[in-house]
Amino acid sequence: MNPLNILIADDEAIIRMDIKELLEEAGHKVVGEATNGQQAVELAKKMKPDLCIFDIKMPKMDGIAAAKIVSKEKIAPVVLLTAFSQPEIVKDATEAGVLAYLVKPVQEANLFPAIEVAMSRYREMQGLADELLKVKDTLAMRKTLDRAKGILMDAHNISESEAFNRIQKYSMAKRKTIKEVAEAIIRSATK
């Protein structure tokens, strides 16, 4: 695993120290330590760590609420650390976007596999989000192109394929993208 910049949030100093030691011995860098959920969120926004490890029970804001904010803002994957393993807590953590869950006391044998899982799931989710964005862009471009073709078809009484050919030829001649040409056709038709 590549070295990661990690933020730790736990209101118990001894636990933070133990986790920090495990992480640093494995080559990771602890870029911040928080004692409550509110501070954890602020540090996550400021430090932009590769990974966050949050305790579930913290003052001011609990780890689940902090994880929800960090996950929603796509700052970093979150591993939740807790002494509790009740099903409703696990469910709440999952709904908050937590990507891995560790029960105290944290042991090296459990910590690093949880980090691997969280990082892998996070990369996968980012890939899916990027893919979704591309699909939305393609769909929007398709709608723009179809509208522009319709305008040309109506204005010049030509077929859809001829309208597309004209857009394509103009695009190449003017060194503009098909999208730019289609948008220009739409703008000129709405004036």
Protein backbone atom coordinates (compact mmCIF):
# COMPACT_ATOMS: atom_id res chain seq x y z
CA MET A 1 0.00 0.00 0.00
CA ASN A 2 1.29 3.48 -0.86
CA PRO A 3 1.88 5.80 2.10
CA LEU A 4 -1.26 7.75 2.98
CA ASN A 5 -1.92 11.07 4.70
CA ILE A 6 -4.36 10.19 7.46
CA LEU A 7 -6.53 12.18 9.85
CA ILE A 8 -7.39 10.57 13.19
CA ALA A 9 -10.30 11.70 15.37
CA ASP A 10 -10.88 10.19 18.81
CA ASP A 11 -11.51 11.91 22.12
CA GLU A 12 -9.22 9.41 23.89
CA ALA A 13 -5.58 10.50 23.56
CA ILE A 14 -4.20 7.02 24.24
CA ILE A 15 -6.19 5.53 21.36
CA ARG A 16 -5.08 8.29 18.98
CA MET A 17 -1.49 7.70 20.04
CA ASP A 18 -1.74 3.91 19.52
CA ILE A 19 -3.31 4.27 16.07
CA LYS A 20 -0.82 6.95 15.09
CA GLU A 21 2.06 4.69 16.09
CA LEU A 22 0.68 1.76 14.06
CA LEU A 23 0.15 3.97 11.02
CA GLU A 24 3.54 5.66 11.16
CA GLU A 25 5.37 2.35 11.65
CA ALA A 26 3.69 1.21 8.41
CA GLY A 27 4.96 4.31 6.58
CA HIS A 28 1.81 6.43 6.68
CA LYS A 29 1.72 10.06 7.81
CA VAL A 30 -0.79 11.33 10.37
CA VAL A 31 -1.55 14.86 9.12
CA GLY A 32 -4.00 15.76 11.85
CA GLU A 33 -5.54 14.66 15.11
CA ALA A 34 -8.94 15.76 16.37
CA THR A 35 -10.62 15.29 19.74
CA ASN A 36 -14.20 15.84 18.56
CA GLY A 37 -16.29 15.45 15.43
CA GLN A 38 -16.56 19.16 14.67
CA GLN A 39 -12.79 19.57 14.79
CA ALA A 40 -12.42 16.41 12.66
CA VAL A 41 -14.61 17.89 9.90
CA GLU A 42 -12.74 21.21 10.01
CA LEU A 43 -9.36 19.46 9.80
CA ALA A 44 -10.57 17.19 6.99
CA LYS A 45 -11.68 20.20 4.94
CA LYS A 46 -8.38 21.98 5.63
CA MET A 47 -5.92 19.08 5.33
CA LYS A 48 -7.63 17.06 2.55
CA PRO A 49 -6.27 13.73 3.88
CA ASP A 50 -6.25 10.51 1.87
CA LEU A 51 -8.17 8.76 4.65
CA CYS A 52 -9.99 9.61 7.88
CA ILE A 53 -10.29 7.37 10.92
CA PHE A 54 -13.08 8.60 13.21
CA ASP A 55 -14.25 7.28 16.56
CA ILE A 56 -18.01 6.94 16.76
CA LYS A 57 -18.49 8.50 20.22
CA MET A 58 -17.00 12.01 20.35
CA PRO A 59 -18.13 15.30 21.88
CA LYS A 60 -19.68 18.18 19.88
CA MET A 61 -20.40 15.94 16.88
CA ASP A 62 -20.27 12.16 16.77
CA GLY A 63 -18.19 10.21 14.27
CA ILE A 64 -21.17 9.21 12.16
CA ALA A 65 -22.27 12.83 11.67
CA ALA A 66 -18.69 13.86 10.90
CA ALA A 67 -18.30 10.95 8.47
CA LYS A 68 -21.53 11.94 6.72
CA ILE A 69 -20.18 15.44 6.05
CA VAL A 70 -16.74 14.23 4.93
CA SER A 71 -18.31 11.60 2.67
CA LYS A 72 -20.95 13.92 1.21
CA GLU A 73 -18.30 16.52 0.35
CA LYS A 74 -16.10 13.75 -1.13
CA ILE A 75 -13.11 14.81 0.96
CA ALA A 76 -11.81 11.33 1.83
CA PRO A 77 -12.92 7.81 2.68
CA VAL A 78 -13.81 7.25 6.33
CA VAL A 79 -13.03 4.27 8.55
CA LEU A 80 -15.21 4.30 11.65
CA LEU A 81 -13.67 3.20 14.93
CA THR A 82 -15.88 2.13 17.79
CA ALA A 83 -16.28 0.04 20.89
CA PHE A 84 -19.84 -0.67 19.75
CA SER A 85 -20.93 -3.13 17.10
CA GLN A 86 -24.71 -3.00 17.38
CA PRO A 87 -26.49 -3.54 14.05
CA GLU A 88 -28.23 -0.13 14.15
CA ILE A 89 -24.88 1.65 14.56
CA VAL A 90 -23.42 -0.30 11.65
CA LYS A 91 -26.50 0.61 9.58
CA ASP A 92 -26.20 4.31 10.48
CA ALA A 93 -22.49 4.25 9.65
CA THR A 94 -23.15 2.66 6.26
CA GLU A 95 -25.83 5.23 5.46
CA ALA A 96 -23.38 8.01 6.42
CA GLY A 97 -20.93 6.80 3.76
CA VAL A 98 -18.47 5.02 6.05
CA LEU A 99 -16.42 2.61 3.95
CA ALA A 100 -14.99 0.41 6.72
CA TYR A 101 -15.74 -0.29 10.35
CA LEU A 102 -13.33 -1.29 13.12
CA VAL A 103 -14.19 -2.45 16.63
CA LYS A 104 -11.86 -1.41 19.47
CA PRO A 105 -9.29 -2.35 20.55
CA VAL A 106 -7.67 -1.71 17.18
CA GLN A 107 -5.21 -4.36 16.16
CA GLU A 108 -2.75 -4.11 13.32
CA ALA A 109 -4.17 -7.29 11.77
CA ASN A 110 -7.57 -5.55 11.42
CA LEU A 111 -6.51 -1.95 10.79
CA PHE A 112 -4.64 -2.34 7.54
CA PRO A 113 -7.18 -4.61 5.79
CA ALA A 114 -9.90 -2.09 6.77
CA ILE A 115 -7.83 0.73 5.27
CA GLU A 116 -7.28 -1.28 2.07
CA VAL A 117 -11.02 -1.96 1.76
CA ALA A 118 -11.93 1.67 2.41
CA MET A 119 -9.40 3.00 -0.12
CA SER A 120 -10.44 0.46 -2.75
CA ARG A 121 -14.15 1.19 -2.32
CA TYR A 122 -13.46 4.95 -2.41
CA ARG A 123 -11.50 4.69 -5.68
CA GLU A 124 -14.27 2.55 -7.13
CA MET A 125 -16.91 5.10 -6.10
CA GLN A 126 -14.85 7.95 -7.59
CA GLY A 127 -14.54 6.00 -10.83
CA LEU A 128 -18.30 5.47 -10.94
CA ALA A 129 -18.92 9.17 -10.23
CA ASP A 130 -16.55 10.15 -13.06
CA GLU A 131 -18.26 7.70 -15.39
CA LEU A 132 -21.68 9.07 -14.45
CA LEU A 133 -20.50 12.61 -15.14
CA LYS A 134 -19.24 11.55 -18.59
CA VAL A 135 -22.57 9.88 -19.35
CA LYS A 136 -24.46 13.01 -18.29
CA ASP A 137 -22.18 15.18 -20.46
CA THR A 138 -22.67 12.84 -23.41
CA LEU A 139 -26.42 12.89 -22.91
CA ALA A 140 -26.49 16.69 -22.71
CA MET A 141 -24.33 16.94 -25.83
CA ARG A 142 -26.62 14.50 -27.61
CA LYS A 143 -29.69 16.61 -26.73
CA THR A 144 -27.94 19.76 -27.94
CA LEU A 145 -26.91 18.08 -31.20
CA ASP A 146 -30.41 16.70 -31.78
CA ARG A 147 -31.92 20.14 -31.22
CA ALA A 148 -29.44 21.75 -33.62
CA LYS A 149 -30.13 19.07 -36.26
CA GLY A 150 -33.86 19.70 -35.86
CA ILE A 151 -33.36 23.44 -36.42
CA LEU A 152 -31.35 22.79 -39.61
CA MET A 153 -33.84 20.20 -40.83
CA ASP A 154 -36.74 22.63 -40.42
CA ALA A 155 -34.89 25.64 -41.84
CA HIS A 156 -33.47 23.89 -44.92
CA ASN A 157 -35.92 21.02 -45.42
CA ILE A 158 -33.14 18.41 -45.20
CA SER A 159 -32.79 14.96 -43.67
CA GLU A 160 -31.31 14.29 -40.23
CA SER A 161 -28.16 12.75 -41.71
CA GLU A 162 -27.67 15.78 -44.00
CA ALA A 163 -28.11 18.12 -41.01
CA PHE A 164 -25.49 16.16 -39.09
CA ASN A 165 -23.13 16.19 -42.10
CA ARG A 166 -23.43 19.99 -42.32
CA ILE A 167 -22.70 20.39 -38.63
CA GLN A 168 -19.74 18.03 -38.92
CA LYS A 169 -18.29 19.78 -41.99
CA TYR A 170 -18.68 23.22 -40.43
CA SER A 171 -17.07 21.92 -37.26
CA MET A 172 -14.01 20.69 -39.16
CA ALA A 173 -13.79 23.81 -41.35
CA LYS A 174 -13.93 26.20 -38.38
CA ARG A 175 -11.92 23.93 -36.05
CA LYS A 176 -14.67 23.90 -33.47
CA THR A 177 -16.22 20.98 -31.64
CA ILE A 178 -19.54 19.62 -32.81
CA LYS A 179 -20.98 20.75 -29.50
CA GLU A 180 -19.82 24.35 -30.08
CA VAL A 181 -21.34 24.37 -33.56
CA ALA A 182 -24.60 22.88 -32.30
CA GLU A 183 -24.80 25.46 -29.51
CA ALA A 184 -24.16 28.28 -32.01
CA ILE A 185 -26.98 26.99 -34.24
CA ILE A 186 -29.35 26.92 -31.28
CA ARG A 187 -28.34 30.42 -30.16
CA SER A 188 -28.84 31.86 -33.64
CA ALA A 189 -32.24 30.21 -33.92
CA THR A 190 -33.48 31.63 -30.61
CA LYS A 191 -32.56 35.24 -31.39
